[in-house]
Amino acid sequence: MNVAMLILRLGVGLTVAAHGAQKLFGVFEGHGISGTAGFLESLGFRPGRAHAWLLGLVETLGGLALALGLLTPLAAAAIAGVMLTAAVAVHLSQGFFNAQGGYEYVLMLAVTSIAIAFAGPGRYSLDHELGWHLAGTSWGLIATAVALGSTAVALAWRRLATHSRFTRRTGRGEALAA
């Protein structure tokens, strides 16, 4: 099981970290901060530049921490929160399958991350080397709650930012259609 957890952590963690590096540094054919900021603005996440930095840092640092098995439940929660937010904000309207732009891929990254939080990082991890026992049902439930909570906050912030922009532009207080 220890080797299996190492493989899972490396696969998910390094994949997510690579996506974060695309956003932060423009590597791996990424768009960097400016391109990511414009995309996030188009989705209603304002200010786009601040959200781009936050998203890039969470993906990069969360992915690396998961790969290393460092603060594993926190890293898993960070990844799952970002992926669930992406599932709702970007992919949900495209259906399930990734081939049509659906949420299949990001959902699997979120679910796998949370499963790792429940199972723990295994022996080949920094958590184990530091003597931290961050595994089991309690840690998995905490990671799940943090992921769902951060998703709710991000989506509420997006809705508030969109509504605030509308109110400033028109001077009226009507609600925006979702």
N, C-alpha and C. Protein backbone atom coordinates (compact mmCIF):
# COMPACT_ATOMS: atom_id res chain seq x y z
N MET A 1 0.82 -1.20 0.00
CA MET A 1 0.00 0.00 0.00
C MET A 1 0.87 1.26 0.00
N ASN A 2 2.02 1.23 0.62
CA ASN A 2 2.87 2.41 0.68
C ASN A 2 3.35 2.85 -0.70
N VAL A 3 3.70 1.90 -1.55
CA VAL A 3 4.13 2.23 -2.90
C VAL A 3 2.94 2.76 -3.70
N ALA A 4 1.77 2.17 -3.50
CA ALA A 4 0.57 2.64 -4.20
C ALA A 4 0.26 4.09 -3.83
N MET A 5 0.38 4.45 -2.57
CA MET A 5 0.11 5.83 -2.15
C MET A 5 1.16 6.78 -2.73
N LEU A 6 2.39 6.34 -2.79
CA LEU A 6 3.43 7.17 -3.40
C LEU A 6 3.10 7.43 -4.87
N ILE A 7 2.72 6.40 -5.59
CA ILE A 7 2.37 6.55 -7.01
C ILE A 7 1.18 7.49 -7.18
N LEU A 8 0.15 7.31 -6.37
CA LEU A 8 -1.03 8.20 -6.45
C LEU A 8 -0.66 9.64 -6.13
N ARG A 9 0.10 9.84 -5.06
CA ARG A 9 0.48 11.20 -4.68
C ARG A 9 1.32 11.87 -5.76
N LEU A 10 2.27 11.14 -6.31
CA LEU A 10 3.11 11.71 -7.36
C LEU A 10 2.30 12.02 -8.61
N GLY A 11 1.44 11.09 -9.00
CA GLY A 11 0.63 11.30 -10.21
C GLY A 11 -0.27 12.51 -10.10
N VAL A 12 -1.06 12.56 -9.05
CA VAL A 12 -2.01 13.67 -8.87
C VAL A 12 -1.26 14.96 -8.53
N GLY A 13 -0.35 14.88 -7.58
CA GLY A 13 0.34 16.08 -7.13
C GLY A 13 1.15 16.76 -8.21
N LEU A 14 1.93 16.00 -8.96
CA LEU A 14 2.76 16.61 -10.01
C LEU A 14 1.92 17.09 -11.18
N THR A 15 0.83 16.42 -11.46
CA THR A 15 -0.08 16.89 -12.52
C THR A 15 -0.67 18.25 -12.15
N VAL A 16 -1.16 18.37 -10.93
CA VAL A 16 -1.76 19.63 -10.49
C VAL A 16 -0.69 20.72 -10.39
N ALA A 17 0.49 20.38 -9.89
CA ALA A 17 1.57 21.36 -9.80
C ALA A 17 1.96 21.87 -11.19
N ALA A 18 1.97 21.00 -12.18
CA ALA A 18 2.28 21.43 -13.55
C ALA A 18 1.24 22.42 -14.06
N HIS A 19 -0.03 22.17 -13.76
CA HIS A 19 -1.08 23.12 -14.15
C HIS A 19 -0.89 24.46 -13.44
N GLY A 20 -0.48 24.42 -12.19
CA GLY A 20 -0.20 25.66 -11.47
C GLY A 20 0.96 26.42 -12.08
N ALA A 21 2.00 25.70 -12.49
CA ALA A 21 3.16 26.33 -13.13
C ALA A 21 2.77 26.97 -14.46
N GLN A 22 1.83 26.36 -15.17
CA GLN A 22 1.33 26.98 -16.40
C GLN A 22 0.73 28.35 -16.10
N LYS A 23 -0.02 28.42 -15.01
CA LYS A 23 -0.69 29.67 -14.65
C LYS A 23 0.29 30.70 -14.11
N LEU A 24 1.23 30.28 -13.30
CA LEU A 24 2.17 31.23 -12.69
C LEU A 24 3.27 31.69 -13.64
N PHE A 25 3.84 30.74 -14.37
CA PHE A 25 5.06 31.03 -15.12
C PHE A 25 4.91 30.92 -16.63
N GLY A 26 3.77 30.44 -17.10
CA GLY A 26 3.58 30.30 -18.53
C GLY A 26 4.34 29.13 -19.14
N VAL A 27 4.84 28.22 -18.32
CA VAL A 27 5.57 27.05 -18.82
C VAL A 27 4.58 25.99 -19.28
N PHE A 28 5.08 24.95 -19.94
CA PHE A 28 4.25 23.84 -20.43
C PHE A 28 3.09 24.36 -21.28
N GLU A 29 3.37 25.33 -22.12
CA GLU A 29 2.37 25.93 -23.02
C GLU A 29 1.25 26.64 -22.27
N GLY A 30 1.54 27.09 -21.05
CA GLY A 30 0.55 27.82 -20.26
C GLY A 30 0.45 29.27 -20.66
N HIS A 31 -0.49 29.97 -20.08
CA HIS A 31 -0.76 31.36 -20.44
C HIS A 31 -0.21 32.36 -19.43
N GLY A 32 0.43 31.88 -18.37
CA GLY A 32 0.98 32.79 -17.37
C GLY A 32 -0.10 33.54 -16.61
N ILE A 33 0.34 34.46 -15.78
CA ILE A 33 -0.58 35.22 -14.93
C ILE A 33 -1.55 36.05 -15.77
N SER A 34 -1.05 36.76 -16.78
CA SER A 34 -1.92 37.64 -17.56
C SER A 34 -3.02 36.87 -18.29
N GLY A 35 -2.65 35.78 -18.95
CA GLY A 35 -3.65 34.98 -19.67
C GLY A 35 -4.64 34.34 -18.72
N THR A 36 -4.14 33.84 -17.61
CA THR A 36 -5.02 33.22 -16.61
C THR A 36 -5.95 34.26 -16.01
N ALA A 37 -5.43 35.46 -15.75
CA ALA A 37 -6.26 36.54 -15.20
C ALA A 37 -7.40 36.89 -16.14
N GLY A 38 -7.11 36.99 -17.42
CA GLY A 38 -8.15 37.30 -18.39
C GLY A 38 -9.22 36.22 -18.44
N PHE A 39 -8.79 34.96 -18.40
CA PHE A 39 -9.74 33.86 -18.40
C PHE A 39 -10.61 33.88 -17.15
N LEU A 40 -9.99 34.09 -15.99
CA LEU A 40 -10.75 34.11 -14.74
C LEU A 40 -11.71 35.29 -14.72
N GLU A 41 -11.30 36.43 -15.24
CA GLU A 41 -12.21 37.59 -15.35
C GLU A 41 -13.42 37.22 -16.19
N SER A 42 -13.19 36.51 -17.29
CA SER A 42 -14.30 36.13 -18.18
C SER A 42 -15.29 35.20 -17.48
N LEU A 43 -14.81 34.49 -16.47
CA LEU A 43 -15.67 33.59 -15.69
C LEU A 43 -16.34 34.30 -14.53
N GLY A 44 -15.97 35.56 -14.30
CA GLY A 44 -16.56 36.33 -13.20
C GLY A 44 -15.73 36.37 -11.94
N PHE A 45 -14.53 35.81 -11.97
CA PHE A 45 -13.65 35.85 -10.80
C PHE A 45 -12.85 37.15 -10.86
N ARG A 46 -13.25 38.11 -10.05
CA ARG A 46 -12.63 39.43 -10.07
C ARG A 46 -12.12 39.79 -8.68
N PRO A 47 -10.96 40.40 -8.61
CA PRO A 47 -10.06 40.78 -9.69
C PRO A 47 -9.32 39.57 -10.26
N GLY A 48 -9.25 39.50 -11.56
CA GLY A 48 -8.67 38.35 -12.25
C GLY A 48 -7.23 38.09 -11.90
N ARG A 49 -6.43 39.14 -11.80
CA ARG A 49 -5.00 38.98 -11.51
C ARG A 49 -4.77 38.37 -10.12
N ALA A 50 -5.50 38.85 -9.14
CA ALA A 50 -5.37 38.30 -7.78
C ALA A 50 -5.82 36.84 -7.76
N HIS A 51 -6.90 36.54 -8.44
CA HIS A 51 -7.37 35.16 -8.51
C HIS A 51 -6.38 34.27 -9.26
N ALA A 52 -5.74 34.81 -10.29
CA ALA A 52 -4.75 34.03 -11.04
C ALA A 52 -3.57 33.66 -10.16
N TRP A 53 -3.08 34.62 -9.39
CA TRP A 53 -1.98 34.34 -8.46
C TRP A 53 -2.40 33.30 -7.42
N LEU A 54 -3.58 33.49 -6.84
CA LEU A 54 -4.06 32.56 -5.82
C LEU A 54 -4.22 31.15 -6.39
N LEU A 55 -4.86 31.05 -7.55
CA LEU A 55 -5.07 29.76 -8.18
C LEU A 55 -3.74 29.09 -8.53
N GLY A 56 -2.85 29.85 -9.13
CA GLY A 56 -1.54 29.29 -9.49
C GLY A 56 -0.75 28.81 -8.29
N LEU A 57 -0.77 29.60 -7.22
CA LEU A 57 -0.05 29.21 -6.01
C LEU A 57 -0.67 27.98 -5.35
N VAL A 58 -2.00 27.95 -5.27
CA VAL A 58 -2.66 26.80 -4.64
C VAL A 58 -2.37 25.53 -5.43
N GLU A 59 -2.48 25.60 -6.76
CA GLU A 59 -2.20 24.41 -7.56
C GLU A 59 -0.74 23.99 -7.46
N THR A 60 0.17 24.94 -7.57
CA THR A 60 1.60 24.60 -7.54
C THR A 60 2.02 24.08 -6.17
N LEU A 61 1.74 24.85 -5.13
CA LEU A 61 2.18 24.44 -3.79
C LEU A 61 1.38 23.25 -3.27
N GLY A 62 0.08 23.23 -3.51
CA GLY A 62 -0.74 22.09 -3.09
C GLY A 62 -0.32 20.82 -3.80
N GLY A 63 -0.05 20.93 -5.10
CA GLY A 63 0.39 19.77 -5.86
C GLY A 63 1.73 19.24 -5.39
N LEU A 64 2.68 20.15 -5.16
CA LEU A 64 4.00 19.72 -4.68
C LEU A 64 3.91 19.12 -3.28
N ALA A 65 3.09 19.73 -2.41
CA ALA A 65 2.93 19.19 -1.06
C ALA A 65 2.31 17.79 -1.09
N LEU A 66 1.32 17.60 -1.96
CA LEU A 66 0.71 16.26 -2.07
C LEU A 66 1.74 15.27 -2.59
N ALA A 67 2.49 15.64 -3.62
CA ALA A 67 3.50 14.74 -4.17
C ALA A 67 4.53 14.34 -3.11
N LEU A 68 4.91 15.29 -2.27
CA LEU A 68 5.89 15.02 -1.22
C LEU A 68 5.28 14.34 0.01
N GLY A 69 3.96 14.35 0.10
CA GLY A 69 3.32 13.82 1.29
C GLY A 69 3.54 14.72 2.48
N LEU A 70 3.44 16.02 2.26
CA LEU A 70 3.65 17.01 3.31
C LEU A 70 2.32 17.70 3.62
N LEU A 71 1.90 17.61 4.89
CA LEU A 71 0.59 18.16 5.29
C LEU A 71 -0.48 17.65 4.34
N THR A 72 -0.48 16.36 4.16
CA THR A 72 -1.27 15.70 3.12
C THR A 72 -2.75 16.07 3.14
N PRO A 73 -3.45 16.08 4.28
CA PRO A 73 -4.87 16.44 4.22
C PRO A 73 -5.11 17.88 3.75
N LEU A 74 -4.22 18.80 4.15
CA LEU A 74 -4.34 20.19 3.72
C LEU A 74 -4.08 20.30 2.21
N ALA A 75 -3.05 19.63 1.73
CA ALA A 75 -2.74 19.64 0.30
C ALA A 75 -3.90 19.04 -0.50
N ALA A 76 -4.45 17.94 0.00
CA ALA A 76 -5.58 17.30 -0.69
C ALA A 76 -6.80 18.22 -0.70
N ALA A 77 -7.05 18.89 0.40
CA ALA A 77 -8.19 19.82 0.47
C ALA A 77 -8.00 20.98 -0.50
N ALA A 78 -6.78 21.50 -0.59
CA ALA A 78 -6.51 22.61 -1.51
C ALA A 78 -6.77 22.19 -2.95
N ILE A 79 -6.25 21.04 -3.32
CA ILE A 79 -6.44 20.54 -4.68
C ILE A 79 -7.92 20.28 -4.95
N ALA A 80 -8.58 19.59 -4.04
CA ALA A 80 -10.00 19.27 -4.25
C ALA A 80 -10.84 20.54 -4.34
N GLY A 81 -10.55 21.53 -3.51
CA GLY A 81 -11.31 22.77 -3.56
C GLY A 81 -11.18 23.48 -4.89
N VAL A 82 -9.96 23.57 -5.41
CA VAL A 82 -9.73 24.20 -6.71
C VAL A 82 -10.43 23.41 -7.82
N MET A 83 -10.32 22.10 -7.77
CA MET A 83 -10.91 21.27 -8.82
C MET A 83 -12.43 21.30 -8.79
N LEU A 84 -13.01 21.31 -7.59
CA LEU A 84 -14.47 21.38 -7.51
C LEU A 84 -14.98 22.74 -7.98
N THR A 85 -14.23 23.79 -7.67
CA THR A 85 -14.60 25.12 -8.16
C THR A 85 -14.54 25.14 -9.68
N ALA A 86 -13.50 24.58 -10.25
CA ALA A 86 -13.38 24.51 -11.71
C ALA A 86 -14.51 23.68 -12.31
N ALA A 87 -14.86 22.59 -11.64
CA ALA A 87 -15.95 21.75 -12.14
C ALA A 87 -17.24 22.55 -12.29
N VAL A 88 -17.55 23.34 -11.28
CA VAL A 88 -18.80 24.11 -11.30
C VAL A 88 -18.69 25.32 -12.22
N ALA A 89 -17.60 26.08 -12.09
CA ALA A 89 -17.49 27.36 -12.80
C ALA A 89 -17.18 27.21 -14.28
N VAL A 90 -16.47 26.15 -14.65
CA VAL A 90 -16.01 26.02 -16.03
C VAL A 90 -16.66 24.85 -16.76
N HIS A 91 -16.74 23.70 -16.13
CA HIS A 91 -17.04 22.47 -16.84
C HIS A 91 -18.46 21.93 -16.71
N LEU A 92 -19.19 22.31 -15.70
CA LEU A 92 -20.49 21.70 -15.43
C LEU A 92 -21.45 21.81 -16.61
N SER A 93 -21.47 22.95 -17.25
CA SER A 93 -22.41 23.16 -18.35
C SER A 93 -22.07 22.31 -19.58
N GLN A 94 -20.87 21.73 -19.62
CA GLN A 94 -20.45 20.91 -20.75
C GLN A 94 -20.76 19.43 -20.54
N GLY A 95 -21.38 19.08 -19.43
CA GLY A 95 -21.69 17.68 -19.16
C GLY A 95 -20.54 16.98 -18.45
N PHE A 96 -20.63 15.66 -18.40
CA PHE A 96 -19.66 14.88 -17.63
C PHE A 96 -18.34 14.65 -18.36
N PHE A 97 -18.37 14.24 -19.60
CA PHE A 97 -17.17 13.73 -20.26
C PHE A 97 -16.19 14.83 -20.65
N ASN A 98 -14.92 14.56 -20.36
CA ASN A 98 -13.84 15.50 -20.61
C ASN A 98 -13.71 15.83 -22.10
N ALA A 99 -13.99 14.87 -22.97
CA ALA A 99 -13.85 15.10 -24.41
C ALA A 99 -14.73 16.25 -24.90
N GLN A 100 -15.83 16.50 -24.22
CA GLN A 100 -16.71 17.62 -24.56
C GLN A 100 -16.49 18.81 -23.64
N GLY A 101 -15.38 18.81 -22.89
CA GLY A 101 -15.08 19.90 -21.97
C GLY A 101 -15.77 19.76 -20.62
N GLY A 102 -16.27 18.57 -20.33
CA GLY A 102 -17.00 18.32 -19.09
C GLY A 102 -16.11 18.22 -17.87
N TYR A 103 -16.73 17.92 -16.76
CA TYR A 103 -16.07 17.96 -15.45
C TYR A 103 -15.42 16.65 -15.03
N GLU A 104 -15.41 15.65 -15.88
CA GLU A 104 -14.87 14.34 -15.55
C GLU A 104 -13.45 14.40 -14.98
N TYR A 105 -12.54 15.08 -15.66
CA TYR A 105 -11.14 15.13 -15.27
C TYR A 105 -10.94 15.83 -13.93
N VAL A 106 -11.51 17.02 -13.77
CA VAL A 106 -11.31 17.76 -12.53
C VAL A 106 -11.99 17.06 -11.35
N LEU A 107 -13.11 16.42 -11.62
CA LEU A 107 -13.77 15.65 -10.55
C LEU A 107 -12.90 14.49 -10.08
N MET A 108 -12.25 13.80 -11.01
CA MET A 108 -11.39 12.68 -10.64
C MET A 108 -10.17 13.15 -9.85
N LEU A 109 -9.61 14.31 -10.20
CA LEU A 109 -8.50 14.85 -9.41
C LEU A 109 -8.97 15.18 -7.99
N ALA A 110 -10.17 15.76 -7.87
CA ALA A 110 -10.71 16.10 -6.55
C ALA A 110 -10.98 14.85 -5.72
N VAL A 111 -11.64 13.87 -6.32
CA VAL A 111 -11.98 12.63 -5.60
C VAL A 111 -10.73 11.88 -5.18
N THR A 112 -9.76 11.80 -6.07
CA THR A 112 -8.52 11.10 -5.74
C THR A 112 -7.78 11.80 -4.61
N SER A 113 -7.75 13.12 -4.65
CA SER A 113 -7.09 13.88 -3.58
C SER A 113 -7.74 13.61 -2.23
N ILE A 114 -9.06 13.63 -2.21
CA ILE A 114 -9.78 13.38 -0.96
C ILE A 114 -9.55 11.95 -0.49
N ALA A 115 -9.53 11.00 -1.41
CA ALA A 115 -9.25 9.61 -1.03
C ALA A 115 -7.87 9.49 -0.39
N ILE A 116 -6.90 10.22 -0.92
CA ILE A 116 -5.56 10.22 -0.33
C ILE A 116 -5.60 10.81 1.09
N ALA A 117 -6.41 11.84 1.29
CA ALA A 117 -6.54 12.42 2.64
C ALA A 117 -7.07 11.38 3.62
N PHE A 118 -8.05 10.59 3.21
CA PHE A 118 -8.58 9.54 4.08
C PHE A 118 -7.54 8.45 4.33
N ALA A 119 -6.86 8.00 3.27
CA ALA A 119 -5.92 6.88 3.40
C ALA A 119 -4.60 7.29 4.05
N GLY A 120 -4.22 8.54 3.87
CA GLY A 120 -2.93 9.00 4.37
C GLY A 120 -1.86 8.85 3.30
N PRO A 121 -0.73 9.50 3.52
CA PRO A 121 0.30 9.55 2.49
C PRO A 121 1.15 8.29 2.37
N GLY A 122 1.09 7.42 3.34
CA GLY A 122 1.93 6.22 3.32
C GLY A 122 3.31 6.47 3.91
N ARG A 123 4.08 5.42 3.96
CA ARG A 123 5.41 5.46 4.58
C ARG A 123 6.39 6.36 3.84
N TYR A 124 6.29 6.42 2.52
CA TYR A 124 7.25 7.18 1.72
C TYR A 124 6.75 8.61 1.55
N SER A 125 6.75 9.33 2.66
CA SER A 125 6.22 10.70 2.66
C SER A 125 6.95 11.52 3.72
N LEU A 126 6.89 12.83 3.56
CA LEU A 126 7.47 13.71 4.57
C LEU A 126 6.65 13.67 5.86
N ASP A 127 5.34 13.53 5.74
CA ASP A 127 4.52 13.41 6.95
C ASP A 127 5.01 12.24 7.81
N HIS A 128 5.26 11.11 7.19
CA HIS A 128 5.74 9.93 7.92
C HIS A 128 7.13 10.20 8.53
N GLU A 129 8.01 10.80 7.75
CA GLU A 129 9.36 11.10 8.24
C GLU A 129 9.35 12.06 9.42
N LEU A 130 8.37 12.97 9.43
CA LEU A 130 8.26 13.94 10.52
C LEU A 130 7.47 13.38 11.71
N GLY A 131 6.98 12.16 11.58
CA GLY A 131 6.23 11.53 12.67
C GLY A 131 4.79 12.03 12.79
N TRP A 132 4.28 12.62 11.73
CA TRP A 132 2.91 13.12 11.74
C TRP A 132 1.97 12.04 11.23
N HIS A 133 0.92 11.77 11.98
CA HIS A 133 -0.06 10.75 11.62
C HIS A 133 -1.33 11.43 11.13
N LEU A 134 -1.28 11.90 9.89
CA LEU A 134 -2.37 12.67 9.32
C LEU A 134 -3.14 11.80 8.33
N ALA A 135 -3.89 10.85 8.87
CA ALA A 135 -4.64 9.93 8.04
C ALA A 135 -5.86 9.46 8.81
N GLY A 136 -6.79 8.89 8.09
CA GLY A 136 -7.97 8.32 8.72
C GLY A 136 -9.23 9.12 8.45
N THR A 137 -10.31 8.63 9.01
CA THR A 137 -11.62 9.21 8.74
C THR A 137 -11.71 10.67 9.16
N SER A 138 -11.20 11.00 10.32
CA SER A 138 -11.28 12.40 10.79
C SER A 138 -10.55 13.34 9.84
N TRP A 139 -9.33 12.99 9.45
CA TRP A 139 -8.57 13.84 8.54
C TRP A 139 -9.22 13.91 7.17
N GLY A 140 -9.77 12.81 6.72
CA GLY A 140 -10.47 12.81 5.43
C GLY A 140 -11.71 13.69 5.46
N LEU A 141 -12.45 13.63 6.56
CA LEU A 141 -13.65 14.47 6.68
C LEU A 141 -13.28 15.95 6.79
N ILE A 142 -12.20 16.24 7.49
CA ILE A 142 -11.74 17.63 7.59
C ILE A 142 -11.33 18.13 6.21
N ALA A 143 -10.58 17.33 5.46
CA ALA A 143 -10.16 17.73 4.11
C ALA A 143 -11.38 17.95 3.21
N THR A 144 -12.36 17.07 3.33
CA THR A 144 -13.58 17.20 2.53
C THR A 144 -14.32 18.49 2.89
N ALA A 145 -14.45 18.76 4.17
CA ALA A 145 -15.15 19.98 4.61
C ALA A 145 -14.41 21.24 4.15
N VAL A 146 -13.10 21.23 4.24
CA VAL A 146 -12.31 22.39 3.80
C VAL A 146 -12.46 22.58 2.29
N ALA A 147 -12.42 21.49 1.53
CA ALA A 147 -12.56 21.58 0.08
C ALA A 147 -13.94 22.12 -0.30
N LEU A 148 -14.99 21.58 0.31
CA LEU A 148 -16.34 22.05 0.00
C LEU A 148 -16.54 23.49 0.45
N GLY A 149 -15.99 23.82 1.61
CA GLY A 149 -16.10 25.19 2.12
C GLY A 149 -15.39 26.19 1.23
N SER A 150 -14.17 25.84 0.78
CA SER A 150 -13.43 26.77 -0.08
C SER A 150 -14.12 26.91 -1.44
N THR A 151 -14.72 25.85 -1.93
CA THR A 151 -15.48 25.92 -3.17
C THR A 151 -16.67 26.86 -3.01
N ALA A 152 -17.39 26.71 -1.92
CA ALA A 152 -18.54 27.58 -1.67
C ALA A 152 -18.13 29.04 -1.56
N VAL A 153 -17.03 29.31 -0.87
CA VAL A 153 -16.54 30.68 -0.73
C VAL A 153 -16.14 31.25 -2.09
N ALA A 154 -15.40 30.48 -2.88
CA ALA A 154 -14.95 30.97 -4.19
C ALA A 154 -16.14 31.28 -5.09
N LEU A 155 -17.13 30.40 -5.11
CA LEU A 155 -18.30 30.62 -5.97
C LEU A 155 -19.15 31.78 -5.46
N ALA A 156 -19.25 31.93 -4.15
CA ALA A 156 -19.99 33.07 -3.58
C ALA A 156 -19.26 34.37 -3.88
N TRP A 157 -17.93 34.36 -3.78
CA TRP A 157 -17.14 35.55 -4.09
C TRP A 157 -17.36 35.95 -5.55
N ARG A 158 -17.35 34.96 -6.43
CA ARG A 158 -17.58 35.22 -7.86
C ARG A 158 -18.93 35.86 -8.08
N ARG A 159 -19.94 35.33 -7.44
CA ARG A 159 -21.29 35.87 -7.59
C ARG A 159 -21.36 37.30 -7.03
N LEU A 160 -20.74 37.53 -5.89
CA LEU A 160 -20.72 38.86 -5.29
C LEU A 160 -19.96 39.85 -6.18
N ALA A 161 -18.80 39.43 -6.70
CA ALA A 161 -18.01 40.31 -7.57
C ALA A 161 -18.77 40.65 -8.83
N THR A 162 -19.48 39.69 -9.39
CA THR A 162 -20.27 39.94 -10.59
C THR A 162 -21.41 40.89 -10.28
N HIS A 163 -22.07 40.68 -9.17
CA HIS A 163 -23.19 41.54 -8.78
C HIS A 163 -22.70 42.95 -8.47
N SER A 164 -21.60 43.07 -7.77
CA SER A 164 -21.06 44.39 -7.42
C SER A 164 -20.67 45.16 -8.67
N ARG A 165 -20.09 44.50 -9.65
CA ARG A 165 -19.70 45.16 -10.90
C ARG A 165 -20.94 45.66 -11.62
N PHE A 166 -21.97 44.83 -11.63
CA PHE A 166 -23.22 45.21 -12.29
C PHE A 166 -23.84 46.41 -11.60
N THR A 167 -23.86 46.39 -10.31
CA THR A 167 -24.47 47.48 -9.54
C THR A 167 -23.71 48.78 -9.76
N ARG A 168 -22.38 48.73 -9.78
CA ARG A 168 -21.58 49.94 -10.01
C ARG A 168 -21.81 50.50 -11.41
N ARG A 169 -21.88 49.61 -12.40
CA ARG A 169 -22.00 50.04 -13.78
C ARG A 169 -23.35 50.69 -14.07
N THR A 170 -24.43 50.15 -13.54
CA THR A 170 -25.76 50.65 -13.86
C THR A 170 -26.32 51.58 -12.81
N GLY A 171 -25.77 51.47 -11.59
CA GLY A 171 -26.32 52.26 -10.50
C GLY A 171 -27.61 51.68 -9.97
N ARG A 172 -28.03 50.54 -10.48
CA ARG A 172 -29.26 49.90 -10.02
C ARG A 172 -28.90 48.69 -9.17
N GLY A 173 -29.83 48.26 -8.37
CA GLY A 173 -29.55 47.15 -7.48
C GLY A 173 -30.15 45.84 -7.92
N GLU A 174 -30.60 45.71 -9.17
CA GLU A 174 -31.20 44.44 -9.53
C GLU A 174 -30.17 43.32 -9.51
N ALA A 175 -30.66 42.14 -9.28
CA ALA A 175 -29.78 40.98 -9.21
C ALA A 175 -29.39 40.54 -10.62
N LEU A 176 -28.19 40.03 -10.74
CA LEU A 176 -27.74 39.48 -12.01
C LEU A 176 -28.32 38.11 -12.23
N ALA A 177 -28.64 37.78 -13.45
CA ALA A 177 -29.07 36.42 -13.76
C ALA A 177 -27.84 35.52 -13.72
N ALA A 178 -27.99 34.37 -13.13
CA ALA A 178 -26.85 33.45 -13.01
C ALA A 178 -26.47 32.82 -14.30
